[in-house]
C-alpha atoms as a PDB file:
ATOM      1  CA  MET A   1    -116.780 -38.256   6.091  1.00  0.00           C
ATOM      2  CA  LEU A   2    -116.568 -40.536   9.674  1.00  0.00           C
ATOM      3  CA  GLY A   3    -114.082 -43.183   9.840  1.00  0.00           C
ATOM      4  CA  ILE A   4    -112.195 -41.884   7.361  1.00  0.00           C
ATOM      5  CA  ARG A   5    -108.504 -40.395   8.393  1.00  0.00           C
ATOM      6  CA  TYR A   6    -105.111 -38.673   6.986  1.00  0.00           C
ATOM      7  CA  TYR A   7    -102.007 -40.397   7.713  1.00  0.00           C
ATOM      8  CA  LYS A   8     -98.452 -38.723   6.669  1.00  0.00           C
ATOM      9  CA  ALA A   9     -95.169 -40.695   7.513  1.00  0.00           C
ATOM     10  CA  PRO A  10     -91.500 -38.913   7.539  1.00  0.00           C
ATOM     11  CA  PRO A  11     -89.263 -40.087   5.779  1.00  0.00           C
ATOM     12  CA  THR A  12     -87.337 -41.500   8.571  1.00  0.00           C
ATOM     13  CA  THR A  13     -90.111 -43.858   9.037  1.00  0.00           C
ATOM     14  CA  TRP A  14     -91.344 -46.854   6.864  1.00  0.00           C
ATOM     15  CA  VAL A  15     -95.104 -47.189   7.117  1.00  0.00           C
ATOM     16  CA  ALA A  16     -97.338 -49.892   5.903  1.00  0.00           C
ATOM     17  CA  LEU A  17    -101.047 -49.964   5.460  1.00  0.00           C
ATOM     18  CA  PHE A  18    -102.798 -53.202   5.817  1.00  0.00           C
ATOM     19  CA  ARG A  19    -106.397 -54.004   4.574  1.00  0.00           C
ATOM     20  CA  ASN A  20    -107.832 -57.530   5.537  1.00  0.00           C
ATOM     21  CA  GLY A  21    -104.509 -58.999   6.542  1.00  0.00           C
ATOM     22  CA  HIS A  22    -102.805 -57.801   3.234  1.00  0.00           C
ATOM     23  CA  PRO A  23    -100.338 -54.723   3.115  1.00  0.00           C
ATOM     24  CA  SER A  24    -102.138 -52.202   0.091  1.00  0.00           C
ATOM     25  CA  ARG A  25     -99.868 -50.116   0.479  1.00  0.00           C
ATOM     26  CA  GLU A  26     -95.773 -49.596   2.018  1.00  0.00           C
ATOM     27  CA  GLY A  27     -92.777 -47.511   2.275  1.00  0.00           C
ATOM     28  CA  PRO A  28     -90.934 -44.655   3.701  1.00  0.00           C
ATOM     29  CA  GLY A  29     -92.559 -40.956   4.143  1.00  0.00           C
ATOM     30  CA  LEU A  30     -95.973 -42.220   2.345  1.00  0.00           C
ATOM     31  CA  SER A  31     -99.004 -40.310   3.062  1.00  0.00           C
ATOM     32  CA  PHE A  32    -102.642 -41.581   2.462  1.00  0.00           C
ATOM     33  CA  LEU A  33    -105.996 -41.585   3.606  1.00  0.00           C
ATOM     34  CA  TYR A  34    -107.688 -44.879   5.199  1.00  0.00           C
ATOM     35  CA  PHE A  35    -110.714 -45.935   6.739  1.00  0.00           C
ATOM     36  CA  ALA A  36    -109.605 -46.467  10.097  1.00  0.00           C
ATOM     37  CA  PRO A  37    -112.289 -49.164  11.278  1.00  0.00           C
ATOM     38  CA  SER A  38    -111.008 -51.647   8.215  1.00  0.00           C
ATOM     39  CA  ALA A  39    -107.102 -50.751   8.142  1.00  0.00           C
ATOM     40  CA  THR A  40    -103.990 -51.212  10.083  1.00  0.00           C
ATOM     41  CA  LEU A  41    -101.059 -49.081  10.349  1.00  0.00           C
ATOM     42  CA  VAL A  42     -97.990 -49.990  10.739  1.00  0.00           C
ATOM     43  CA  ALA A  43     -94.931 -47.906  11.321  1.00  0.00           C
ATOM     44  CA  VAL A  44     -91.132 -48.739  11.884  1.00  0.00           C
ATOM     45  CA  PRO A  45     -88.664 -46.253  11.947  1.00  0.00           C
ATOM     46  CA  VAL A  46     -85.386 -46.476  10.059  1.00  0.00           C
ATOM     47  CA  ALA A  47     -83.499 -43.700  10.947  1.00  0.00           C
ATOM     48  CA  THR A  48     -79.857 -44.579  12.656  1.00  0.00           C
ATOM     49  CA  SER A  49     -80.779 -45.048  16.260  1.00  0.00           C
ATOM     50  CA  ASP A  50     -77.760 -44.885  18.867  1.00  0.00           C
ATOM     51  CA  LEU A  51     -78.511 -47.170  22.184  1.00  0.00           C
ATOM     52  CA  PRO A  52     -76.176 -46.323  25.225  1.00  0.00           C
ATOM     53  CA  PHE A  53     -75.668 -48.951  27.464  1.00  0.00           C
ATOM     54  CA  ALA A  54     -73.825 -49.955  31.004  1.00  0.00           C
ATOM     55  CA  PHE A  55     -73.709 -53.523  32.401  1.00  0.00           C
ATOM     56  CA  SER A  56     -71.513 -55.311  34.878  1.00  0.00           C
ATOM     57  CA  GLU A  57     -69.222 -58.382  34.057  1.00  0.00           C
ATOM     58  CA  ILE A  58     -66.984 -60.670  35.933  1.00  0.00           C
ATOM     59  CA  ALA A  59     -63.622 -60.807  34.389  1.00  0.00           C
ATOM     60  CA  ALA A  60     -61.437 -63.678  34.291  1.00  0.00           C
ATOM     61  CA  ASP A  61     -60.161 -63.567  37.559  1.00  0.00           C
ATOM     62  CA  PHE A  62     -63.580 -63.196  39.287  1.00  0.00           C
ATOM     63  CA  GLN A  63     -63.573 -59.410  39.664  1.00  0.00           C
ATOM     64  CA  THR A  64     -66.142 -57.297  38.587  1.00  0.00           C
ATOM     65  CA  VAL A  65     -66.134 -54.901  35.854  1.00  0.00           C
ATOM     66  CA  THR A  66     -68.559 -52.323  34.607  1.00  0.00           C
ATOM     67  CA  VAL A  67     -68.936 -51.888  30.467  1.00  0.00           C
ATOM     68  CA  GLN A  68     -69.964 -48.507  29.103  1.00  0.00           C
ATOM     69  CA  GLY A  69     -70.425 -48.144  25.552  1.00  0.00           C
ATOM     70  CA  GLN A  70     -72.859 -47.182  22.857  1.00  0.00           C
ATOM     71  CA  LEU A  71     -74.595 -49.113  19.911  1.00  0.00           C
ATOM     72  CA  SER A  72     -75.666 -47.394  16.709  1.00  0.00           C
ATOM     73  CA  TRP A  73     -77.982 -49.654  14.577  1.00  0.00           C
ATOM     74  CA  ARG A  74     -80.874 -49.213  12.268  1.00  0.00           C
ATOM     75  CA  VAL A  75     -83.569 -51.026  10.927  1.00  0.00           C
ATOM     76  CA  ALA A  76     -82.205 -52.518   7.492  1.00  0.00           C
ATOM     77  CA  GLU A  77     -85.675 -54.603   6.335  1.00  0.00           C
ATOM     78  CA  PRO A  78     -88.637 -53.016   7.889  1.00  0.00           C
ATOM     79  CA  GLY A  79     -90.757 -55.195   6.205  1.00  0.00           C
ATOM     80  CA  LYS A  80     -89.220 -58.560   8.094  1.00  0.00           C
ATOM     81  CA  LEU A  81     -89.257 -56.488  11.510  1.00  0.00           C
ATOM     82  CA  ALA A  82     -93.050 -55.634  11.038  1.00  0.00           C
ATOM     83  CA  SER A  83     -93.635 -59.601  10.400  1.00  0.00           C
ATOM     84  CA  SER A  84     -91.700 -60.340  13.775  1.00  0.00           C
ATOM     85  CA  LEU A  85     -92.920 -57.944  16.081  1.00  0.00           C
ATOM     86  CA  ASP A  86     -95.987 -55.533  16.381  1.00  0.00           C
ATOM     87  CA  PHE A  87     -95.482 -52.041  15.385  1.00  0.00           C
ATOM     88  CA  SER A  88     -99.071 -51.619  14.604  1.00  0.00           C
ATOM     89  CA  LEU A  89    -100.638 -47.668  15.484  1.00  0.00           C
ATOM     90  CA  ASP A  90    -103.856 -47.019  17.602  1.00  0.00           C
ATOM     91  CA  GLY A  91    -106.147 -44.491  16.696  1.00  0.00           C
ATOM     92  CA  HIS A  92    -104.031 -41.863  18.257  1.00  0.00           C
ATOM     93  CA  GLY A  93    -100.969 -42.725  16.974  1.00  0.00           C
ATOM     94  CA  ALA A  94     -99.232 -44.647  19.387  1.00  0.00           C
ATOM     95  CA  TYR A  95     -97.941 -48.326  19.223  1.00  0.00           C
ATOM     96  CA  ARG A  96    -100.603 -50.577  20.461  1.00  0.00           C
ATOM     97  CA  SER A  97     -98.023 -53.183  22.334  1.00  0.00           C
ATOM     98  CA  GLU A  98     -94.545 -52.708  24.076  1.00  0.00           C
ATOM     99  CA  ASP A  99     -92.488 -54.690  21.208  1.00  0.00           C
ATOM    100  CA  PRO A 100     -90.791 -51.624  20.017  1.00  0.00           C
ATOM    101  CA  GLU A 101     -89.041 -51.385  23.395  1.00  0.00           C
ATOM    102  CA  LYS A 102     -88.525 -54.743  23.660  1.00  0.00           C
ATOM    103  CA  LEU A 103     -86.394 -54.738  20.557  1.00  0.00           C
ATOM    104  CA  ARG A 104     -84.031 -52.456  21.981  1.00  0.00           C
ATOM    105  CA  GLU A 105     -83.960 -54.678  25.163  1.00  0.00           C
ATOM    106  CA  ARG A 106     -83.136 -57.712  22.595  1.00  0.00           C
ATOM    107  CA  LEU A 107     -80.377 -55.584  20.807  1.00  0.00           C
ATOM    108  CA  LEU A 108     -78.768 -54.776  24.644  1.00  0.00           C
ATOM    109  CA  ALA A 109     -78.906 -58.443  25.395  1.00  0.00           C
ATOM    110  CA  THR A 110     -77.084 -59.725  22.197  1.00  0.00           C
ATOM    111  CA  ALA A 111     -74.430 -56.952  22.901  1.00  0.00           C
ATOM    112  CA  GLN A 112     -74.112 -58.101  26.446  1.00  0.00           C
ATOM    113  CA  VAL A 113     -73.851 -61.299  25.780  1.00  0.00           C
ATOM    114  CA  LEU A 114     -71.045 -61.143  22.991  1.00  0.00           C
ATOM    115  CA  VAL A 115     -69.367 -58.365  24.915  1.00  0.00           C
ATOM    116  CA  ARG A 116     -69.425 -61.361  27.917  1.00  0.00           C
ATOM    117  CA  ASP A 117     -68.026 -63.642  25.955  1.00  0.00           C
ATOM    118  CA  VAL A 118     -64.683 -61.456  25.448  1.00  0.00           C
ATOM    119  CA  ILE A 119     -64.663 -60.287  29.310  1.00  0.00           C
ATOM    120  CA  GLN A 120     -64.525 -63.695  30.824  1.00  0.00           C
ATOM    121  CA  LYS A 121     -61.560 -64.612  28.852  1.00  0.00           C
ATOM    122  CA  LEU A 122     -59.322 -61.655  30.296  1.00  0.00           C
ATOM    123  CA  PRO A 123     -58.204 -60.897  33.742  1.00  0.00           C
ATOM    124  CA  LEU A 124     -58.870 -57.712  35.417  1.00  0.00           C
ATOM    125  CA  ARG A 125     -55.923 -55.714  34.674  1.00  0.00           C
ATOM    126  CA  GLN A 126     -55.769 -56.819  30.996  1.00  0.00           C
ATOM    127  CA  ALA A 127     -59.733 -55.861  30.962  1.00  0.00           C
ATOM    128  CA  LEU A 128     -59.368 -52.544  31.614  1.00  0.00           C
ATOM    129  CA  GLY A 129     -57.486 -51.845  28.861  1.00  0.00           C
ATOM    130  CA  ALA A 130     -58.869 -54.003  26.553  1.00  0.00           C
ATOM    131  CA  ALA A 131     -61.665 -51.551  24.689  1.00  0.00           C
ATOM    132  CA  GLU A 132     -60.332 -51.424  21.615  1.00  0.00           C
ATOM    133  CA  ARG A 133     -60.066 -55.329  21.814  1.00  0.00           C
ATOM    134  CA  VAL A 134     -63.720 -55.529  23.125  1.00  0.00           C
ATOM    135  CA  THR A 135     -65.097 -53.580  20.099  1.00  0.00           C
ATOM    136  CA  SER A 136     -62.911 -55.453  17.362  1.00  0.00           C
ATOM    137  CA  ASP A 137     -64.126 -59.248  18.776  1.00  0.00           C
ATOM    138  CA  VAL A 138     -67.479 -57.777  19.316  1.00  0.00           C
ATOM    139  CA  LEU A 139     -68.422 -55.221  16.082  1.00  0.00           C
ATOM    140  CA  PRO A 140     -68.379 -58.281  13.754  1.00  0.00           C
ATOM    141  CA  ARG A 141     -70.319 -60.477  15.491  1.00  0.00           C
ATOM    142  CA  LEU A 142     -73.309 -58.350  16.204  1.00  0.00           C
ATOM    143  CA  LYS A 143     -73.529 -57.486  12.624  1.00  0.00           C
ATOM    144  CA  GLN A 144     -74.171 -61.657  11.745  1.00  0.00           C
ATOM    145  CA  ALA A 145     -76.062 -62.098  14.850  1.00  0.00           C
ATOM    146  CA  GLU A 146     -78.857 -64.038  13.915  1.00  0.00           C
ATOM    147  CA  ALA A 147     -81.032 -62.637  16.717  1.00  0.00           C
ATOM    148  CA  LEU A 148     -80.678 -59.518  14.781  1.00  0.00           C
ATOM    149  CA  THR A 149     -80.342 -60.142  11.245  1.00  0.00           C
ATOM    150  CA  SER A 150     -83.521 -62.470  11.483  1.00  0.00           C
ATOM    151  CA  LEU A 151     -85.334 -59.097  12.387  1.00  0.00           C
ATOM    152  CA  GLY A 152     -83.860 -56.951   9.817  1.00  0.00           C
ATOM    153  CA  ILE A 153     -81.450 -54.937  12.130  1.00  0.00           C
ATOM    154  CA  GLU A 154     -78.505 -53.798  10.956  1.00  0.00           C
ATOM    155  CA  THR A 155     -75.297 -52.812  13.203  1.00  0.00           C
ATOM    156  CA  LEU A 156     -73.306 -49.955  12.390  1.00  0.00           C
ATOM    157  CA  ALA A 157     -70.980 -49.025  14.927  1.00  0.00           C
ATOM    158  CA  LEU A 158     -70.276 -49.941  19.024  1.00  0.00           C
ATOM    159  CA  SER A 159     -68.310 -47.764  20.964  1.00  0.00           C
ATOM    160  CA  ILE A 160     -66.702 -49.042  24.203  1.00  0.00           C
ATOM    161  CA  LEU A 161     -66.512 -46.023  25.983  1.00  0.00           C
ATOM    162  CA  SER A 162     -65.144 -47.593  29.421  1.00  0.00           C
ATOM    163  CA  ILE A 163     -64.272 -50.776  31.276  1.00  0.00           C
ATOM    164  CA  ARG A 164     -63.957 -50.098  35.069  1.00  0.00           C
ATOM    165  CA  PRO A 165     -63.494 -51.995  38.038  1.00  0.00           C
ATOM    166  CA  THR A 166     -65.139 -51.463  41.398  1.00  0.00           C
ATOM    167  CA  PRO A 167     -64.752 -48.579  43.593  1.00  0.00           C
ATOM    168  CA  GLU A 168     -62.460 -51.234  45.914  1.00  0.00           C
ATOM    169  CA  MET A 169     -60.688 -52.512  43.273  1.00  0.00           C
ATOM    170  CA  ALA A 170     -59.813 -48.957  41.901  1.00  0.00           C
ATOM    171  CA  ARG A 171     -58.536 -47.904  44.691  1.00  0.00           C
ATOM    172  CA  ALA A 172     -56.493 -51.028  45.371  1.00  0.00           C
ATOM    173  CA  ILE A 173     -55.267 -50.831  41.692  1.00  0.00           C
ATOM    174  CA  GLU A 174     -54.332 -46.746  42.296  1.00  0.00           C
ATOM    175  CA  ALA A 175     -52.409 -47.721  45.470  1.00  0.00           C
ATOM    176  CA  GLU A 176     -50.771 -50.331  43.901  1.00  0.00           C
ATOM    177  CA  ALA A 177     -50.065 -47.790  40.490  1.00  0.00           C
ATOM    178  CA  ARG A 178     -48.881 -45.474  42.798  1.00  0.00           C
ATOM    179  CA  GLU A 179     -46.457 -47.616  44.705  1.00  0.00           C
ATOM    180  CA  ALA A 180     -44.904 -48.541  41.439  1.00  0.00           C
ATOM    181  CA  LEU A 181     -44.778 -44.871  40.493  1.00  0.00           C
ATOM    182  CA  GLN A 182     -43.051 -43.779  43.504  1.00  0.00           C
ATOM    183  CA  ARG A 183     -40.633 -47.214  42.936  1.00  0.00           C
ATOM    184  CA  GLN A 184     -40.065 -45.838  39.546  1.00  0.00           C
ATOM    185  CA  SER A 185     -39.139 -42.545  41.252  1.00  0.00           C
ATOM    186  CA  ASP A 186     -36.744 -43.740  43.686  1.00  0.00           C
ATOM    187  CA  PHE A 187     -35.175 -45.923  40.935  1.00  0.00           C
ATOM    188  CA  ALA A 188     -34.879 -42.798  38.692  1.00  0.00           C
ATOM    189  CA  ILE A 189     -33.248 -41.072  41.773  1.00  0.00           C
ATOM    190  CA  TYR A 190     -30.752 -43.789  42.541  1.00  0.00           C
ATOM    191  CA  GLU A 191     -29.686 -43.618  38.792  1.00  0.00           C
ATOM    192  CA  ARG A 192     -29.565 -39.830  38.584  1.00  0.00           C
ATOM    193  CA  ARG A 193     -27.019 -40.251  41.601  1.00  0.00           C
ATOM    194  CA  ASN A 194     -25.431 -42.877  40.154  1.00  0.00           C
ATOM    195  CA  ALA A 195     -25.098 -40.995  36.876  1.00  0.00           C
ATOM    196  CA  ALA A 196     -23.708 -38.097  39.318  1.00  0.00           C
ATOM    197  CA  VAL A 197     -21.272 -40.440  41.301  1.00  0.00           C
ATOM    198  CA  GLU A 198     -19.889 -42.012  38.248  1.00  0.00           C
ATOM    199  CA  GLN A 199     -19.295 -38.543  36.578  1.00  0.00           C
ATOM    200  CA  GLU A 200     -17.817 -37.204  39.679  1.00  0.00           C
ATOM    201  CA  ARG A 201     -15.556 -40.545  38.954  1.00  0.00           C
ATOM    202  CA  ARG A 202     -14.904 -39.719  35.502  1.00  0.00           C
ATOM    203  CA  ILE A 203     -13.657 -36.255  36.324  1.00  0.00           C
ATOM    204  CA  LYS A 204     -11.459 -37.655  39.269  1.00  0.00           C
ATOM    205  CA  GLU A 205     -10.196 -40.161  36.790  1.00  0.00           C
ATOM    206  CA  SER A 206      -9.474 -36.563  34.377  1.00  0.00           C
ATOM    207  CA  GLU A 207      -7.920 -35.085  36.836  1.00  0.00           C
ATOM    208  CA  LEU A 208      -5.584 -37.728  38.231  1.00  0.00           C
ATOM    209  CA  SER A 209      -4.477 -38.241  34.605  1.00  0.00           C
ATOM    210  CA  THR A 210      -3.909 -34.757  34.307  1.00  0.00           C
ATOM    211  CA  GLU A 211      -1.872 -34.931  37.338  1.00  0.00           C
ATOM    212  CA  ILE A 212      -0.135 -37.953  36.148  1.00  0.00           C
ATOM    213  CA  ALA A 213       0.722 -36.862  33.047  1.00  0.00           C
ATOM    214  CA  VAL A 214       2.321 -33.323  34.605  1.00  0.00           C
ATOM    215  CA  GLU A 215       4.662 -35.629  36.800  1.00  0.00           C
ATOM    216  CA  GLU A 216       5.485 -37.987  33.731  1.00  0.00           C
ATOM    217  CA  LYS A 217       6.486 -34.212  31.815  1.00  0.00           C
ATOM    218  CA  LYS A 218       8.330 -33.357  35.100  1.00  0.00           C
ATOM    219  CA  ARG A 219       9.792 -36.522  35.274  1.00  0.00           C
ATOM    220  CA  LYS A 220      11.309 -36.356  31.997  1.00  0.00           C
ATOM    221  CA  ILE A 221      12.382 -32.842  31.842  1.00  0.00           C
ATOM    222  CA  ARG A 222      14.440 -33.664  35.747  1.00  0.00           C
ATOM    223  CA  GLU A 223      15.840 -37.061  33.818  1.00  0.00           C
ATOM    224  CA  THR A 224      16.637 -34.434  30.571  1.00  0.00           C
ATOM    225  CA  GLN A 225      18.260 -32.296  33.296  1.00  0.00           C
ATOM    226  CA  MET A 226      20.133 -34.889  35.031  1.00  0.00           C
ATOM    227  CA  ALA A 227      21.057 -36.539  31.610  1.00  0.00           C
ATOM    228  CA  ALA A 228      22.736 -33.053  30.634  1.00  0.00           C
ATOM    229  CA  ASP A 229      24.374 -32.655  34.176  1.00  0.00           C
ATOM    230  CA  ILE A 230      25.988 -36.433  33.722  1.00  0.00           C
ATOM    231  CA  ALA A 231      26.981 -35.441  30.266  1.00  0.00           C
ATOM    232  CA  VAL A 232      28.224 -31.899  31.676  1.00  0.00           C
ATOM    233  CA  GLU A 233      29.978 -33.896  34.650  1.00  0.00           C
ATOM    234  CA  GLU A 234      31.341 -36.970  32.453  1.00  0.00           C
ATOM    235  CA  GLN A 235      32.951 -33.965  30.291  1.00  0.00           C
ATOM    236  CA  ARG A 236      34.559 -32.548  33.727  1.00  0.00           C
ATOM    237  CA  ALA A 237      35.964 -35.573  34.532  1.00  0.00           C
ATOM    238  CA  THR A 238      37.585 -35.911  31.532  1.00  0.00           C
ATOM    239  CA  LEU A 239      38.886 -32.512  31.794  1.00  0.00           C
ATOM    240  CA  VAL A 240      39.824 -33.443  35.541  1.00  0.00           C
ATOM    241  CA  ASP A 241      41.725 -36.407  34.072  1.00  0.00           C
ATOM    242  CA  GLN A 242      43.420 -35.210  31.009  1.00  0.00           C
ATOM    243  CA  ARG A 243      44.325 -32.250  33.791  1.00  0.00           C
ATOM    244  CA  ALA A 244      45.714 -35.118  35.913  1.00  0.00           C
ATOM    245  CA  ALA A 245      47.646 -36.573  33.087  1.00  0.00           C
ATOM    246  CA  ASN A 246      49.231 -33.412  31.736  1.00  0.00           C
ATOM    247  CA  ASP A 247      49.983 -32.703  35.347  1.00  0.00           C
ATOM    248  CA  ARG A 248      51.582 -35.939  35.993  1.00  0.00           C
ATOM    249  CA  LYS A 249      53.814 -35.602  32.271  1.00  0.00           C
ATOM    250  CA  ASP A 250      54.797 -32.289  33.496  1.00  0.00           C
ATOM    251  CA  ALA A 251      56.058 -33.549  36.762  1.00  0.00           C
ATOM    252  CA  ASP A 252      57.685 -36.305  35.098  1.00  0.00           C
ATOM    253  CA  ALA A 253      59.732 -34.155  32.746  1.00  0.00           C
ATOM    254  CA  LYS A 254      60.764 -31.655  35.927  1.00  0.00           C
ATOM    255  CA  GLY A 255      61.802 -34.899  37.590  1.00  0.00           C
ATOM    256  CA  TYR A 256      63.583 -35.937  34.685  1.00  0.00           C
ATOM    257  CA  ALA A 257      65.253 -32.296  34.017  1.00  0.00           C
ATOM    258  CA  LEU A 258      65.744 -32.154  37.640  1.00  0.00           C
ATOM    259  CA  GLU A 259      67.483 -36.260  37.866  1.00  0.00           C
ATOM    260  CA  THR A 260      69.107 -34.980  35.244  1.00  0.00           C
ATOM    261  CA  THR A 261      71.088 -32.019  36.499  1.00  0.00           C
ATOM    262  CA  LEU A 262      71.947 -33.675  40.048  1.00  0.00           C
ATOM    263  CA  LYS A 263      73.211 -36.555  38.436  1.00  0.00           C
ATOM    264  CA  PRO A 264      76.519 -35.419  38.124  1.00  0.00           C
ATOM    265  CA  LEU A 265      76.866 -34.186  41.796  1.00  0.00           C
ATOM    266  CA  LYS A 266      75.376 -37.412  43.280  1.00  0.00           C
ATOM    267  CA  GLY A 267      78.865 -38.740  44.309  1.00  0.00           C
ATOM    268  CA  ILE A 268      80.485 -35.475  45.471  1.00  0.00           C
ATOM    269  CA  ASP A 269      80.373 -34.572  49.131  1.00  0.00           C
ATOM    270  CA  TRP A 270      77.895 -32.469  50.294  1.00  0.00           C
ATOM    271  CA  LYS A 271      80.356 -30.322  52.471  1.00  0.00           C
ATOM    272  CA  ILE A 272      81.987 -29.438  49.178  1.00  0.00           C
ATOM    273  CA  LEU A 273      78.547 -28.417  47.588  1.00  0.00           C
ATOM    274  CA  ALA A 274      77.850 -26.430  50.808  1.00  0.00           C
ATOM    275  CA  ALA A 275      80.969 -24.517  50.506  1.00  0.00           C
ATOM    276  CA  LEU A 276      80.467 -24.288  46.328  1.00  0.00           C
ATOM    277  CA  GLY A 277      77.021 -22.854  47.510  1.00  0.00           C
ATOM    278  CA  THR A 278      78.553 -20.003  49.311  1.00  0.00           C
ATOM    279  CA  GLY A 279      81.251 -19.876  46.550  1.00  0.00           C
ATOM    280  CA  GLY A 280      83.956 -19.496  49.169  1.00  0.00           C
ATOM    281  CA  SER A 281      83.017 -15.808  50.454  1.00  0.00           C
ATOM    282  CA  ASP A 282      81.219 -15.996  53.413  1.00  0.00           C
ATOM    283  CA  PRO A 283      82.716 -15.891  56.471  1.00  0.00           C
ATOM    284  CA  LYS A 284      80.061 -17.146  58.196  1.00  0.00           C
ATOM    285  CA  ALA A 285      79.295 -20.275  56.145  1.00  0.00           C
ATOM    286  CA  SER A 286      82.733 -21.081  56.650  1.00  0.00           C
ATOM    287  CA  ILE A 287      82.770 -20.617  60.580  1.00  0.00           C
ATOM    288  CA  ALA A 288      79.058 -22.333  60.732  1.00  0.00           C
ATOM    289  CA  LEU A 289      80.653 -25.411  58.805  1.00  0.00           C
ATOM    290  CA  ALA A 290      83.793 -25.454  61.152  1.00  0.00           C
ATOM    291  CA  PHE A 291      81.879 -25.440  64.044  1.00  0.00           C
ATOM    292  CA  ARG A 292      79.643 -28.282  62.356  1.00  0.00           C
ATOM    293  CA  GLU A 293      82.676 -30.529  62.138  1.00  0.00           C
ATOM    294  CA  LEU A 294      83.945 -29.954  65.313  1.00  0.00           C
ATOM    295  CA  ALA A 295      80.277 -30.780  66.823  1.00  0.00           C
ATOM    296  CA  GLU A 296      80.620 -33.917  64.741  1.00  0.00           C
ATOM    297  CA  ASN A 297      84.230 -35.015  66.377  1.00  0.00           C
ATOM    298  CA  ALA A 298      83.237 -33.970  69.515  1.00  0.00           C
ATOM    299  CA  SER A 299      84.376 -36.973  71.323  1.00  0.00           C
ATOM    300  CA  LYS A 300      87.482 -36.539  69.724  1.00  0.00           C
ATOM    301  CA  ILE A 301      88.003 -33.023  71.244  1.00  0.00           C
ATOM    302  CA  GLY A 302      89.122 -32.514  74.765  1.00  0.00           C
ATOM    303  CA  GLU A 303      89.109 -28.994  75.246  1.00  0.00           C
ATOM    304  CA  LEU A 304      87.806 -25.802  73.453  1.00  0.00           C
ATOM    305  CA  ASN A 305      88.280 -22.409  73.491  1.00  0.00           C
ATOM    306  CA  VAL A 306      86.505 -19.955  71.575  1.00  0.00           C
ATOM    307  CA  SER A 307      88.016 -16.032  71.954  1.00  0.00           C
ATOM    308  CA  PRO A 308      85.341 -13.394  72.972  1.00  0.00           C
ATOM    309  CA  ASP A 309      86.575 -11.909  69.762  1.00  0.00           C
ATOM    310  CA  LEU A 310      85.259 -14.585  67.748  1.00  0.00           C
ATOM    311  CA  LEU A 311      82.117 -14.499  69.095  1.00  0.00           C
ATOM    312  CA  ARG A 312      81.742 -10.854  69.334  1.00  0.00           C
ATOM    313  CA  SER A 313      82.245 -10.575  65.730  1.00  0.00           C
ATOM    314  CA  LEU A 314      79.838 -13.615  64.767  1.00  0.00           C
ATOM    315  CA  ILE A 315      77.141 -11.979  67.222  1.00  0.00           C
ATOM    316  CA  GLY A 316      77.549  -8.591  65.561  1.00  0.00           C
ATOM    317  CA  SER A 317      77.434  -9.532  62.246  1.00  0.00           C
ATOM    318  CA  SER A 318      74.589 -12.047  62.365  1.00  0.00           C
ATOM    319  CA  SER A 319      72.569  -8.901  64.124  1.00  0.00           C
ATOM    320  CA  LYS A 320      73.528  -6.913  61.187  1.00  0.00           C
END
């Protein structure tokens, strides 16, 4: 029949059939016949959608950063959205207005405002590592944003994929980070060398301690040897003193014995003793004694005659 059409919506699309300005049928995944000249179809997708975004913001130190991420959302109340924006279809199944596209722009604008509020409070260095903070701060506020809840939009998730500086600032930060890493490397080398020097010092100290201990042992050995030598010398000195004392006692005894022996002869003339020593049997001794007497009394003798026979006999006896 002319003007009668059939429409079948997928389960992820909420559809409403309006006649004379009032909905006659509405719900997800409906299928029905309708009279096109007097009916209006409204179709609202209710499936979860992912909306990627990338926009530039200014950090607290006036440096530009690019925030890239993704927003997951869905239409929780399609009737509320259909009453706020035009989601009606034309005869070819296309949307009559650009409101469906404007919805995406409104979502992006709301998210950007909330992200900007966080980024502008952070300096560049903190902002570059604040992806998790941005997510935790912005997502609850997106879920409660009046601009979205009034349209029946539910925010499911927010993912901040990256926060990047401008290329010039990125190179500057990379250079600074590279210099910092180089300083850390130099410091590590310095620490390693210091550790090596310290270890070498400990080894030297250990070697010196060992040498000192060895010398101390040697000194104790020498002292022990010297103590032993001193003890030996002391014993030897004691022995020598004792021997000298014994020799003195022996000499004293011998002197006393000799003195006792000679004491009776002390007052006797030596001439008598000399004669007694020979026993009076040696004529030579008698003649020698006589000559000695003559010599002692030479001043009293006027002339002395010695016969040749006497001299010959004396010389002959002595030569024998």
